Amino acid sequence: MSKFASIFSDKEMATRRKSNNNTRRKKKSGKNGLSRTTKSYLASLCTLVLVLIALVSKSFSGCKTLNGGFLSHGHIPDLERVVTAKGTPEQIVSYEGMTISYNPAKHVPNWVAWELTADETRGKEPRAQNFQADESVAGCADPWDYSYSGYDRGHMAPASDMKWSRNAMKESFYMTNICPQVKSFNSGTWKRLEEKCRTWAQCDSAIVIIAGPVLTDSITESIGDNRVAVPKRFFKIIASPYANPPRGIAFILNNGKNKGGLQEAAVSIDSVESLTGHDFLSSLPDDIERLVESQCRFHYWSTLKPTEK
């Protein structure tokens, strides 16, 4: 072999070695041909995404979405708290299943508030039978005040809403939760509304209910030795703050006949506030409170059906 051929072969071999080295470097850069710089950038981006996911997860820990609805950080506190009309006598009493503002002058509650969940409507506790005075509450009526009066001992928070607890059931029969009601009203329109509320709780997983007598009316009738006031009308508000969107409705009902049924009695929560002077749901964010309290969509509520379990 000539010297020229030998030199050529050496140069050719060097070129081939260089080409092979470049090929190996390209293979090391990844199957997709990504450079080390690109890989480093993608790794940093992935890390950033993971950090953001972790932060978002932490910020929503403990939240609950009821029936896929309004997201809240756990239970909204003090939804059952009502700002009672100025100048109204009251004693606030907190029971296991309800909160009551009791009026010692009228011997009836100003309002009774409670939350009702879907699970609570499925309770199995049997109905209690004995009405009794709450001795810790000043001016509490006695069960005997209603005897031979012609009026039922009408529950504001119904016993059937308290089947989830023996103690809650017992406390629902305290006279602090009772008002004189016309028998046909108590077992008719009022009972139907109670049943609808349990259906609505099953639809939205949890609702807040506040009920009571309209004490701003001129009340001239009373019963019993304690002169228990006999209301002419009752109100009941229902709020579903966890629904999507949040919603509310209210009813003003005569203590007797109600022509047109519940549909004719349906009003906004704002209307009940104007009538009674009470301020409801003040613990809700202002925009949600305005939305919930301004509505009166009876047809929508009447078509709600429980979620099957």
C-alpha atoms as a PDB file:
ATOM      1  CA  MET A   1       0.000   0.000   0.000  1.00  0.00           C
ATOM      2  CA  SER A   2       1.329   3.418  -0.947  1.00  0.00           C
ATOM      3  CA  LYS A   3       2.023   6.137   1.583  1.00  0.00           C
ATOM      4  CA  PHE A   4      -0.766   8.220   0.047  1.00  0.00           C
ATOM      5  CA  ALA A   5      -3.267   5.404   0.456  1.00  0.00           C
ATOM      6  CA  SER A   6      -2.193   4.934   4.088  1.00  0.00           C
ATOM      7  CA  ILE A   7      -2.676   8.634   4.851  1.00  0.00           C
ATOM      8  CA  PHE A   8      -6.069   8.587   3.164  1.00  0.00           C
ATOM      9  CA  SER A   9      -7.149   5.617   5.200  1.00  0.00           C
ATOM     10  CA  ASP A  10      -6.120   7.304   8.438  1.00  0.00           C
ATOM     11  CA  LYS A  11      -8.083  10.452   7.567  1.00  0.00           C
ATOM     12  CA  GLU A  12     -11.074   8.396   6.542  1.00  0.00           C
ATOM     13  CA  MET A  13     -10.993   6.480   9.819  1.00  0.00           C
ATOM     14  CA  ALA A  14     -10.767   9.684  11.841  1.00  0.00           C
ATOM     15  CA  THR A  15     -13.787  11.091  10.006  1.00  0.00           C
ATOM     16  CA  ARG A  16     -15.756   7.934  10.656  1.00  0.00           C
ATOM     17  CA  ARG A  17     -14.851   7.973  14.362  1.00  0.00           C
ATOM     18  CA  LYS A  18     -16.029  11.598  14.636  1.00  0.00           C
ATOM     19  CA  SER A  19     -19.285  10.722  12.867  1.00  0.00           C
ATOM     20  CA  ASN A  20     -19.867   7.782  15.198  1.00  0.00           C
ATOM     21  CA  ASN A  21     -19.236   9.949  18.277  1.00  0.00           C
ATOM     22  CA  ASN A  22     -21.789  12.496  17.080  1.00  0.00           C
ATOM     23  CA  THR A  23     -24.313   9.720  16.535  1.00  0.00           C
ATOM     24  CA  ARG A  24     -23.742   8.389  20.052  1.00  0.00           C
ATOM     25  CA  ARG A  25     -24.204  11.868  21.521  1.00  0.00           C
ATOM     26  CA  LYS A  26     -27.501  12.237  19.656  1.00  0.00           C
ATOM     27  CA  LYS A  27     -28.693   8.896  21.018  1.00  0.00           C
ATOM     28  CA  LYS A  28     -27.792   9.941  24.550  1.00  0.00           C
ATOM     29  CA  SER A  29     -29.891  13.074  24.138  1.00  0.00           C
ATOM     30  CA  GLY A  30     -33.069  10.918  24.174  1.00  0.00           C
ATOM     31  CA  LYS A  31     -35.227   8.782  21.981  1.00  0.00           C
ATOM     32  CA  ASN A  32     -37.025  11.846  20.659  1.00  0.00           C
ATOM     33  CA  GLY A  33     -33.848  13.693  19.926  1.00  0.00           C
ATOM     34  CA  LEU A  34     -34.363  16.209  22.785  1.00  0.00           C
ATOM     35  CA  SER A  35     -31.376  18.195  23.856  1.00  0.00           C
ATOM     36  CA  ARG A  36     -30.194  18.306  27.447  1.00  0.00           C
ATOM     37  CA  THR A  37     -31.384  21.919  27.662  1.00  0.00           C
ATOM     38  CA  THR A  38     -34.878  20.961  26.498  1.00  0.00           C
ATOM     39  CA  LYS A  39     -35.022  18.046  28.925  1.00  0.00           C
ATOM     40  CA  SER A  40     -33.979  20.303  31.788  1.00  0.00           C
ATOM     41  CA  TYR A  41     -36.655  22.836  30.865  1.00  0.00           C
ATOM     42  CA  LEU A  42     -39.363  20.160  30.718  1.00  0.00           C
ATOM     43  CA  ALA A  43     -38.288  18.735  34.060  1.00  0.00           C
ATOM     44  CA  SER A  44     -38.556  22.174  35.658  1.00  0.00           C
ATOM     45  CA  LEU A  45     -41.973  22.694  34.091  1.00  0.00           C
ATOM     46  CA  CYS A  46     -43.240  19.352  35.400  1.00  0.00           C
ATOM     47  CA  THR A  47     -41.984  20.196  38.872  1.00  0.00           C
ATOM     48  CA  LEU A  48     -43.801  23.531  38.760  1.00  0.00           C
ATOM     49  CA  VAL A  49     -47.049  21.847  37.686  1.00  0.00           C
ATOM     50  CA  LEU A  50     -46.793  19.318  40.522  1.00  0.00           C
ATOM     51  CA  VAL A  51     -46.208  22.096  43.039  1.00  0.00           C
ATOM     52  CA  LEU A  52     -49.267  23.987  41.769  1.00  0.00           C
ATOM     53  CA  ILE A  53     -51.411  20.847  41.980  1.00  0.00           C
ATOM     54  CA  ALA A  54     -50.268  20.284  45.554  1.00  0.00           C
ATOM     55  CA  LEU A  55     -51.087  23.865  46.527  1.00  0.00           C
ATOM     56  CA  VAL A  56     -54.547  23.710  44.957  1.00  0.00           C
ATOM     57  CA  SER A  57     -55.277  20.376  46.638  1.00  0.00           C
ATOM     58  CA  LYS A  58     -54.232  21.773  49.992  1.00  0.00           C
ATOM     59  CA  SER A  59     -56.360  24.890  49.594  1.00  0.00           C
ATOM     60  CA  PHE A  60     -59.467  22.769  48.949  1.00  0.00           C
ATOM     61  CA  SER A  61     -58.797  20.153  51.611  1.00  0.00           C
ATOM     62  CA  GLY A  62     -61.759  19.858  53.953  1.00  0.00           C
ATOM     63  CA  CYS A  63     -64.115  21.333  51.385  1.00  0.00           C
ATOM     64  CA  LYS A  64     -67.308  19.619  50.437  1.00  0.00           C
ATOM     65  CA  THR A  65     -69.474  19.923  47.387  1.00  0.00           C
ATOM     66  CA  LEU A  66     -72.986  18.798  48.192  1.00  0.00           C
ATOM     67  CA  ASN A  67     -74.674  17.174  45.222  1.00  0.00           C
ATOM     68  CA  GLY A  68     -72.083  18.758  42.937  1.00  0.00           C
ATOM     69  CA  GLY A  69     -73.161  22.216  44.002  1.00  0.00           C
ATOM     70  CA  PHE A  70     -71.839  25.315  45.722  1.00  0.00           C
ATOM     71  CA  LEU A  71     -68.339  24.698  47.055  1.00  0.00           C
ATOM     72  CA  SER A  72     -67.778  25.696  50.661  1.00  0.00           C
ATOM     73  CA  HIS A  73     -64.987  25.171  53.150  1.00  0.00           C
ATOM     74  CA  GLY A  74     -66.778  22.533  55.166  1.00  0.00           C
ATOM     75  CA  HIS A  75     -69.928  23.525  57.024  1.00  0.00           C
ATOM     76  CA  ILE A  76     -70.941  27.175  56.759  1.00  0.00           C
ATOM     77  CA  PRO A  77     -71.115  28.302  60.405  1.00  0.00           C
ATOM     78  CA  ASP A  78     -74.058  30.061  62.058  1.00  0.00           C
ATOM     79  CA  LEU A  79     -76.524  29.573  59.207  1.00  0.00           C
ATOM     80  CA  GLU A  80     -79.158  28.832  61.840  1.00  0.00           C
ATOM     81  CA  ARG A  81     -78.502  32.102  63.640  1.00  0.00           C
ATOM     82  CA  VAL A  82     -81.177  34.746  63.124  1.00  0.00           C
ATOM     83  CA  VAL A  83     -80.973  38.411  64.075  1.00  0.00           C
ATOM     84  CA  THR A  84     -84.309  38.780  65.848  1.00  0.00           C
ATOM     85  CA  ALA A  85     -86.436  41.872  65.213  1.00  0.00           C
ATOM     86  CA  LYS A  86     -85.283  44.783  67.341  1.00  0.00           C
ATOM     87  CA  GLY A  87     -87.098  45.124  70.654  1.00  0.00           C
ATOM     88  CA  THR A  88     -88.486  41.579  70.612  1.00  0.00           C
ATOM     89  CA  PRO A  89     -88.173  39.727  73.946  1.00  0.00           C
ATOM     90  CA  GLU A  90     -86.140  36.580  73.517  1.00  0.00           C
ATOM     91  CA  GLN A  91     -84.070  33.884  75.131  1.00  0.00           C
ATOM     92  CA  ILE A  92     -81.809  31.938  72.783  1.00  0.00           C
ATOM     93  CA  VAL A  93     -81.814  28.208  73.466  1.00  0.00           C
ATOM     94  CA  SER A  94     -79.469  25.801  71.687  1.00  0.00           C
ATOM     95  CA  TYR A  95     -80.642  22.210  71.498  1.00  0.00           C
ATOM     96  CA  GLU A  96     -79.000  19.260  69.798  1.00  0.00           C
ATOM     97  CA  GLY A  97     -81.059  19.521  66.637  1.00  0.00           C
ATOM     98  CA  MET A  98     -82.291  23.115  66.581  1.00  0.00           C
ATOM     99  CA  THR A  99     -81.776  26.667  67.798  1.00  0.00           C
ATOM    100  CA  ILE A 100     -84.718  28.575  69.265  1.00  0.00           C
ATOM    101  CA  SER A 101     -85.450  32.204  70.065  1.00  0.00           C
ATOM    102  CA  TYR A 102     -88.147  31.972  72.728  1.00  0.00           C
ATOM    103  CA  ASN A 103     -90.487  34.841  73.520  1.00  0.00           C
ATOM    104  CA  PRO A 104     -91.253  34.819  77.275  1.00  0.00           C
ATOM    105  CA  ALA A 105     -93.967  37.458  76.857  1.00  0.00           C
ATOM    106  CA  LYS A 106     -95.933  35.594  74.176  1.00  0.00           C
ATOM    107  CA  HIS A 107     -94.981  32.098  75.469  1.00  0.00           C
ATOM    108  CA  VAL A 108     -94.182  30.919  71.940  1.00  0.00           C
ATOM    109  CA  PRO A 109     -90.957  30.892  69.931  1.00  0.00           C
ATOM    110  CA  ASN A 110     -90.016  33.904  67.832  1.00  0.00           C
ATOM    111  CA  TRP A 111     -88.318  31.474  65.480  1.00  0.00           C
ATOM    112  CA  VAL A 112     -86.916  27.951  65.365  1.00  0.00           C
ATOM    113  CA  ALA A 113     -83.970  27.166  63.079  1.00  0.00           C
ATOM    114  CA  TRP A 114     -82.347  23.898  62.103  1.00  0.00           C
ATOM    115  CA  GLU A 115     -80.296  22.255  59.380  1.00  0.00           C
ATOM    116  CA  LEU A 116     -81.699  19.116  57.793  1.00  0.00           C
ATOM    117  CA  THR A 117     -79.426  16.767  55.867  1.00  0.00           C
ATOM    118  CA  ALA A 118     -80.346  13.957  53.513  1.00  0.00           C
ATOM    119  CA  ASP A 119     -78.922  11.390  55.934  1.00  0.00           C
ATOM    120  CA  GLU A 120     -80.980  12.782  58.814  1.00  0.00           C
ATOM    121  CA  THR A 121     -84.224  12.269  56.885  1.00  0.00           C
ATOM    122  CA  ARG A 122     -83.492   8.530  56.893  1.00  0.00           C
ATOM    123  CA  GLY A 123     -83.322   8.302  60.696  1.00  0.00           C
ATOM    124  CA  LYS A 124     -85.158   5.475  62.472  1.00  0.00           C
ATOM    125  CA  GLU A 125     -85.744   6.923  65.943  1.00  0.00           C
ATOM    126  CA  PRO A 126     -89.417   6.413  66.915  1.00  0.00           C
ATOM    127  CA  ARG A 127     -91.603   9.420  67.571  1.00  0.00           C
ATOM    128  CA  ALA A 128     -91.686  10.696  71.141  1.00  0.00           C
ATOM    129  CA  GLN A 129     -95.069  11.195  72.778  1.00  0.00           C
ATOM    130  CA  ASN A 130     -94.667  13.442  75.790  1.00  0.00           C
ATOM    131  CA  PHE A 131     -94.774  17.221  75.499  1.00  0.00           C
ATOM    132  CA  GLN A 132     -92.970  18.943  78.353  1.00  0.00           C
ATOM    133  CA  ALA A 133     -91.929  22.395  79.491  1.00  0.00           C
ATOM    134  CA  ASP A 134     -88.257  23.357  79.423  1.00  0.00           C
ATOM    135  CA  GLU A 135     -87.747  24.502  82.993  1.00  0.00           C
ATOM    136  CA  SER A 136     -84.536  26.319  82.052  1.00  0.00           C
ATOM    137  CA  VAL A 137     -86.446  28.778  79.833  1.00  0.00           C
ATOM    138  CA  ALA A 138     -88.252  31.724  81.417  1.00  0.00           C
ATOM    139  CA  GLY A 139     -91.931  32.005  80.537  1.00  0.00           C
ATOM    140  CA  CYS A 140     -92.061  28.571  78.924  1.00  0.00           C
ATOM    141  CA  ALA A 141     -95.597  27.400  78.247  1.00  0.00           C
ATOM    142  CA  ASP A 142     -96.962  24.273  79.881  1.00  0.00           C
ATOM    143  CA  PRO A 143     -98.539  21.393  77.937  1.00  0.00           C
ATOM    144  CA  TRP A 144    -101.693  21.906  80.012  1.00  0.00           C
ATOM    145  CA  ASP A 145    -102.114  25.375  78.511  1.00  0.00           C
ATOM    146  CA  TYR A 146    -103.309  23.664  75.335  1.00  0.00           C
ATOM    147  CA  SER A 147    -105.709  21.224  76.955  1.00  0.00           C
ATOM    148  CA  TYR A 148    -109.350  21.744  75.879  1.00  0.00           C
ATOM    149  CA  SER A 149    -108.282  24.863  73.963  1.00  0.00           C
ATOM    150  CA  GLY A 150    -109.338  23.584  70.566  1.00  0.00           C
ATOM    151  CA  TYR A 151    -105.780  24.038  69.256  1.00  0.00           C
ATOM    152  CA  ASP A 152    -103.087  21.498  68.450  1.00  0.00           C
ATOM    153  CA  ARG A 153     -99.625  21.653  69.931  1.00  0.00           C
ATOM    154  CA  GLY A 154     -97.992  22.508  66.610  1.00  0.00           C
ATOM    155  CA  HIS A 155     -94.300  21.759  66.104  1.00  0.00           C
ATOM    156  CA  MET A 156     -92.178  24.424  64.456  1.00  0.00           C
ATOM    157  CA  ALA A 157     -89.312  21.965  63.919  1.00  0.00           C
ATOM    158  CA  PRO A 158     -91.168  18.719  63.163  1.00  0.00           C
ATOM    159  CA  ALA A 159     -90.444  15.562  65.117  1.00  0.00           C
ATOM    160  CA  SER A 160     -89.922  13.694  61.840  1.00  0.00           C
ATOM    161  CA  ASP A 161     -86.881  15.893  61.134  1.00  0.00           C
ATOM    162  CA  MET A 162     -85.295  14.669  64.380  1.00  0.00           C
ATOM    163  CA  LYS A 163     -85.398  10.896  63.817  1.00  0.00           C
ATOM    164  CA  TRP A 164     -81.607  10.812  63.618  1.00  0.00           C
ATOM    165  CA  SER A 165     -81.174  11.216  67.405  1.00  0.00           C
ATOM    166  CA  ARG A 166     -83.148  10.118  70.470  1.00  0.00           C
ATOM    167  CA  ASN A 167     -82.221  13.281  72.340  1.00  0.00           C
ATOM    168  CA  ALA A 168     -83.070  15.554  69.389  1.00  0.00           C
ATOM    169  CA  MET A 169     -86.422  13.786  69.112  1.00  0.00           C
ATOM    170  CA  LYS A 170     -87.107  14.320  72.813  1.00  0.00           C
ATOM    171  CA  GLU A 171     -86.158  18.010  72.645  1.00  0.00           C
ATOM    172  CA  SER A 172     -88.488  18.601  69.688  1.00  0.00           C
ATOM    173  CA  PHE A 173     -91.361  17.983  72.141  1.00  0.00           C
ATOM    174  CA  TYR A 174     -90.290  20.792  74.456  1.00  0.00           C
ATOM    175  CA  MET A 175     -92.918  23.514  74.587  1.00  0.00           C
ATOM    176  CA  THR A 176     -90.299  26.009  73.404  1.00  0.00           C
ATOM    177  CA  ASN A 177     -90.776  24.439  69.947  1.00  0.00           C
ATOM    178  CA  ILE A 178     -94.572  24.582  70.029  1.00  0.00           C
ATOM    179  CA  CYS A 179     -97.273  27.042  68.921  1.00  0.00           C
ATOM    180  CA  PRO A 180    -101.085  26.812  68.981  1.00  0.00           C
ATOM    181  CA  GLN A 181    -102.255  25.662  65.549  1.00  0.00           C
ATOM    182  CA  VAL A 182    -105.676  24.948  64.098  1.00  0.00           C
ATOM    183  CA  LYS A 183    -105.972  21.171  63.854  1.00  0.00           C
ATOM    184  CA  SER A 184    -106.816  21.082  60.130  1.00  0.00           C
ATOM    185  CA  PHE A 185    -103.851  23.353  59.393  1.00  0.00           C
ATOM    186  CA  ASN A 186    -101.405  21.387  61.547  1.00  0.00           C
ATOM    187  CA  SER A 187    -102.369  18.074  59.949  1.00  0.00           C
ATOM    188  CA  GLY A 188    -102.910  19.547  56.490  1.00  0.00           C
ATOM    189  CA  THR A 189    -100.986  22.365  54.803  1.00  0.00           C
ATOM    190  CA  TRP A 190     -98.319  22.641  57.529  1.00  0.00           C
ATOM    191  CA  LYS A 191     -97.672  18.889  57.442  1.00  0.00           C
ATOM    192  CA  ARG A 192     -97.437  18.855  53.641  1.00  0.00           C
ATOM    193  CA  LEU A 193     -94.825  21.598  53.769  1.00  0.00           C
ATOM    194  CA  GLU A 194     -92.851  19.615  56.347  1.00  0.00           C
ATOM    195  CA  GLU A 195     -92.885  16.598  54.038  1.00  0.00           C
ATOM    196  CA  LYS A 196     -91.739  18.698  51.091  1.00  0.00           C
ATOM    197  CA  CYS A 197     -88.829  20.024  53.145  1.00  0.00           C
ATOM    198  CA  ARG A 198     -87.619  16.479  53.784  1.00  0.00           C
ATOM    199  CA  THR A 199     -87.814  15.773  50.063  1.00  0.00           C
ATOM    200  CA  TRP A 200     -85.821  18.926  49.309  1.00  0.00           C
ATOM    201  CA  ALA A 201     -83.173  17.946  51.853  1.00  0.00           C
ATOM    202  CA  GLN A 202     -82.755  14.654  49.997  1.00  0.00           C
ATOM    203  CA  CYS A 203     -82.395  16.539  46.710  1.00  0.00           C
ATOM    204  CA  ASP A 204     -79.722  18.993  47.854  1.00  0.00           C
ATOM    205  CA  SER A 205     -78.058  16.953  50.631  1.00  0.00           C
ATOM    206  CA  ALA A 206     -78.618  19.721  53.199  1.00  0.00           C
ATOM    207  CA  ILE A 207     -81.008  22.625  53.674  1.00  0.00           C
ATOM    208  CA  VAL A 208     -81.563  25.228  56.381  1.00  0.00           C
ATOM    209  CA  ILE A 209     -85.113  25.708  57.656  1.00  0.00           C
ATOM    210  CA  ILE A 210     -86.400  28.514  59.879  1.00  0.00           C
ATOM    211  CA  ALA A 211     -90.010  28.590  61.041  1.00  0.00           C
ATOM    212  CA  GLY A 212     -92.126  30.563  63.465  1.00  0.00           C
ATOM    213  CA  PRO A 213     -95.241  32.609  64.114  1.00  0.00           C
ATOM    214  CA  VAL A 214     -95.820  36.054  62.636  1.00  0.00           C
ATOM    215  CA  LEU A 215     -95.840  38.037  65.876  1.00  0.00           C
ATOM    216  CA  THR A 216     -96.077  41.427  64.161  1.00  0.00           C
ATOM    217  CA  ASP A 217     -99.756  40.700  63.510  1.00  0.00           C
ATOM    218  CA  SER A 218    -102.246  42.050  66.021  1.00  0.00           C
ATOM    219  CA  ILE A 219    -102.744  38.981  68.225  1.00  0.00           C
ATOM    220  CA  THR A 220    -105.806  39.144  70.452  1.00  0.00           C
ATOM    221  CA  GLU A 221    -106.385  35.486  71.316  1.00  0.00           C
ATOM    222  CA  SER A 222    -104.562  33.462  73.949  1.00  0.00           C
ATOM    223  CA  ILE A 223    -105.001  30.094  75.663  1.00  0.00           C
ATOM    224  CA  GLY A 224    -104.264  28.518  79.035  1.00  0.00           C
ATOM    225  CA  ASP A 225    -103.241  29.871  82.392  1.00  0.00           C
ATOM    226  CA  ASN A 226    -100.053  31.264  80.841  1.00  0.00           C
ATOM    227  CA  ARG A 227    -102.052  33.124  78.177  1.00  0.00           C
ATOM    228  CA  VAL A 228    -100.157  31.599  75.283  1.00  0.00           C
ATOM    229  CA  ALA A 229    -100.510  33.785  72.174  1.00  0.00           C
ATOM    230  CA  VAL A 230    -102.426  32.242  69.270  1.00  0.00           C
ATOM    231  CA  PRO A 231    -100.757  33.392  66.022  1.00  0.00           C
ATOM    232  CA  LYS A 232    -102.846  34.258  62.990  1.00  0.00           C
ATOM    233  CA  ARG A 233    -100.069  33.339  60.556  1.00  0.00           C
ATOM    234  CA  PHE A 234     -96.852  31.348  60.371  1.00  0.00           C
ATOM    235  CA  PHE A 235     -93.748  31.626  58.218  1.00  0.00           C
ATOM    236  CA  LYS A 236     -91.247  29.072  57.044  1.00  0.00           C
ATOM    237  CA  ILE A 237     -88.107  29.779  55.043  1.00  0.00           C
ATOM    238  CA  ILE A 238     -86.015  27.160  53.273  1.00  0.00           C
ATOM    239  CA  ALA A 239     -82.496  27.839  52.030  1.00  0.00           C
ATOM    240  CA  SER A 240     -80.289  25.523  50.022  1.00  0.00           C
ATOM    241  CA  PRO A 241     -76.897  27.264  50.195  1.00  0.00           C
ATOM    242  CA  TYR A 242     -74.933  24.257  48.914  1.00  0.00           C
ATOM    243  CA  ALA A 243     -76.957  23.819  45.712  1.00  0.00           C
ATOM    244  CA  ASN A 244     -75.686  24.954  42.335  1.00  0.00           C
ATOM    245  CA  PRO A 245     -76.720  27.713  42.163  1.00  0.00           C
ATOM    246  CA  PRO A 246     -77.727  28.389  45.786  1.00  0.00           C
ATOM    247  CA  ARG A 247     -81.452  28.983  46.178  1.00  0.00           C
ATOM    248  CA  GLY A 248     -84.168  29.815  48.670  1.00  0.00           C
ATOM    249  CA  ILE A 249     -87.905  30.078  49.086  1.00  0.00           C
ATOM    250  CA  ALA A 250     -90.339  31.013  51.859  1.00  0.00           C
ATOM    251  CA  PHE A 251     -93.989  30.614  52.788  1.00  0.00           C
ATOM    252  CA  ILE A 252     -96.478  32.707  54.760  1.00  0.00           C
ATOM    253  CA  LEU A 253     -99.454  30.613  55.836  1.00  0.00           C
ATOM    254  CA  ASN A 254    -102.713  31.334  57.628  1.00  0.00           C
ATOM    255  CA  ASN A 255    -103.338  29.466  60.866  1.00  0.00           C
ATOM    256  CA  GLY A 256    -106.388  27.855  59.290  1.00  0.00           C
ATOM    257  CA  LYS A 257    -107.518  27.650  55.673  1.00  0.00           C
ATOM    258  CA  ASN A 258    -105.057  28.480  52.892  1.00  0.00           C
ATOM    259  CA  LYS A 259    -106.719  28.903  49.512  1.00  0.00           C
ATOM    260  CA  GLY A 260    -104.485  27.962  46.624  1.00  0.00           C
ATOM    261  CA  GLY A 261    -102.253  25.777  48.764  1.00  0.00           C
ATOM    262  CA  LEU A 262     -98.506  26.166  49.036  1.00  0.00           C
ATOM    263  CA  GLN A 263     -98.106  27.767  45.618  1.00  0.00           C
ATOM    264  CA  GLU A 264    -100.222  30.766  46.623  1.00  0.00           C
ATOM    265  CA  ALA A 265     -98.375  31.020  49.947  1.00  0.00           C
ATOM    266  CA  ALA A 266     -94.893  31.029  48.395  1.00  0.00           C
ATOM    267  CA  VAL A 267     -92.900  34.260  48.770  1.00  0.00           C
ATOM    268  CA  SER A 268     -89.269  35.332  48.872  1.00  0.00           C
ATOM    269  CA  ILE A 269     -87.225  35.233  52.070  1.00  0.00           C
ATOM    270  CA  ASP A 270     -86.887  39.012  51.710  1.00  0.00           C
ATOM    271  CA  SER A 271     -90.676  39.244  52.057  1.00  0.00           C
ATOM    272  CA  VAL A 272     -90.630  37.338  55.344  1.00  0.00           C
ATOM    273  CA  GLU A 273     -87.848  39.580  56.633  1.00  0.00           C
ATOM    274  CA  SER A 274     -89.943  42.649  55.814  1.00  0.00           C
ATOM    275  CA  LEU A 275     -92.984  41.155  57.544  1.00  0.00           C
ATOM    276  CA  THR A 276     -91.306  39.897  60.721  1.00  0.00           C
ATOM    277  CA  GLY A 277     -88.349  42.250  61.111  1.00  0.00           C
ATOM    278  CA  HIS A 278     -85.995  39.278  61.510  1.00  0.00           C
ATOM    279  CA  ASP A 279     -82.740  39.052  59.543  1.00  0.00           C
ATOM    280  CA  PHE A 280     -82.093  35.557  58.195  1.00  0.00           C
ATOM    281  CA  LEU A 281     -78.954  33.911  56.762  1.00  0.00           C
ATOM    282  CA  SER A 282     -76.688  36.848  57.578  1.00  0.00           C
ATOM    283  CA  SER A 283     -73.664  34.543  57.839  1.00  0.00           C
ATOM    284  CA  LEU A 284     -73.774  33.827  54.100  1.00  0.00           C
ATOM    285  CA  PRO A 285     -71.501  35.840  51.797  1.00  0.00           C
ATOM    286  CA  ASP A 286     -73.408  38.963  50.762  1.00  0.00           C
ATOM    287  CA  ASP A 287     -73.771  37.992  47.100  1.00  0.00           C
ATOM    288  CA  ILE A 288     -75.054  34.518  47.973  1.00  0.00           C
ATOM    289  CA  GLU A 289     -77.426  35.939  50.599  1.00  0.00           C
ATOM    290  CA  ARG A 290     -78.911  38.387  48.082  1.00  0.00           C
ATOM    291  CA  LEU A 291     -79.374  35.599  45.539  1.00  0.00           C
ATOM    292  CA  VAL A 292     -81.002  33.172  47.974  1.00  0.00           C
ATOM    293  CA  GLU A 293     -83.290  35.698  49.678  1.00  0.00           C
ATOM    294  CA  SER A 294     -84.645  37.346  46.529  1.00  0.00           C
ATOM    295  CA  GLN A 295     -86.015  34.192  44.876  1.00  0.00           C
ATOM    296  CA  CYS A 296     -89.524  32.771  44.789  1.00  0.00           C
ATOM    297  CA  ARG A 297     -89.462  29.942  42.249  1.00  0.00           C
ATOM    298  CA  PHE A 298     -92.115  27.568  43.572  1.00  0.00           C
ATOM    299  CA  HIS A 299     -92.439  25.634  40.314  1.00  0.00           C
ATOM    300  CA  TYR A 300     -88.727  24.841  40.337  1.00  0.00           C
ATOM    301  CA  TRP A 301     -88.807  23.614  43.946  1.00  0.00           C
ATOM    302  CA  SER A 302     -91.971  21.589  43.328  1.00  0.00           C
ATOM    303  CA  THR A 303     -90.291  19.608  40.540  1.00  0.00           C
ATOM    304  CA  LEU A 304     -87.207  18.607  42.541  1.00  0.00           C
ATOM    305  CA  LYS A 305     -86.769  14.876  43.041  1.00  0.00           C
ATOM    306  CA  PRO A 306     -84.491  13.096  45.524  1.00  0.00           C
ATOM    307  CA  THR A 307     -81.223  11.603  44.365  1.00  0.00           C
ATOM    308  CA  GLU A 308     -81.464   7.823  44.359  1.00  0.00           C
ATOM    309  CA  LYS A 309     -79.205   6.001  46.818  1.00  0.00           C
END
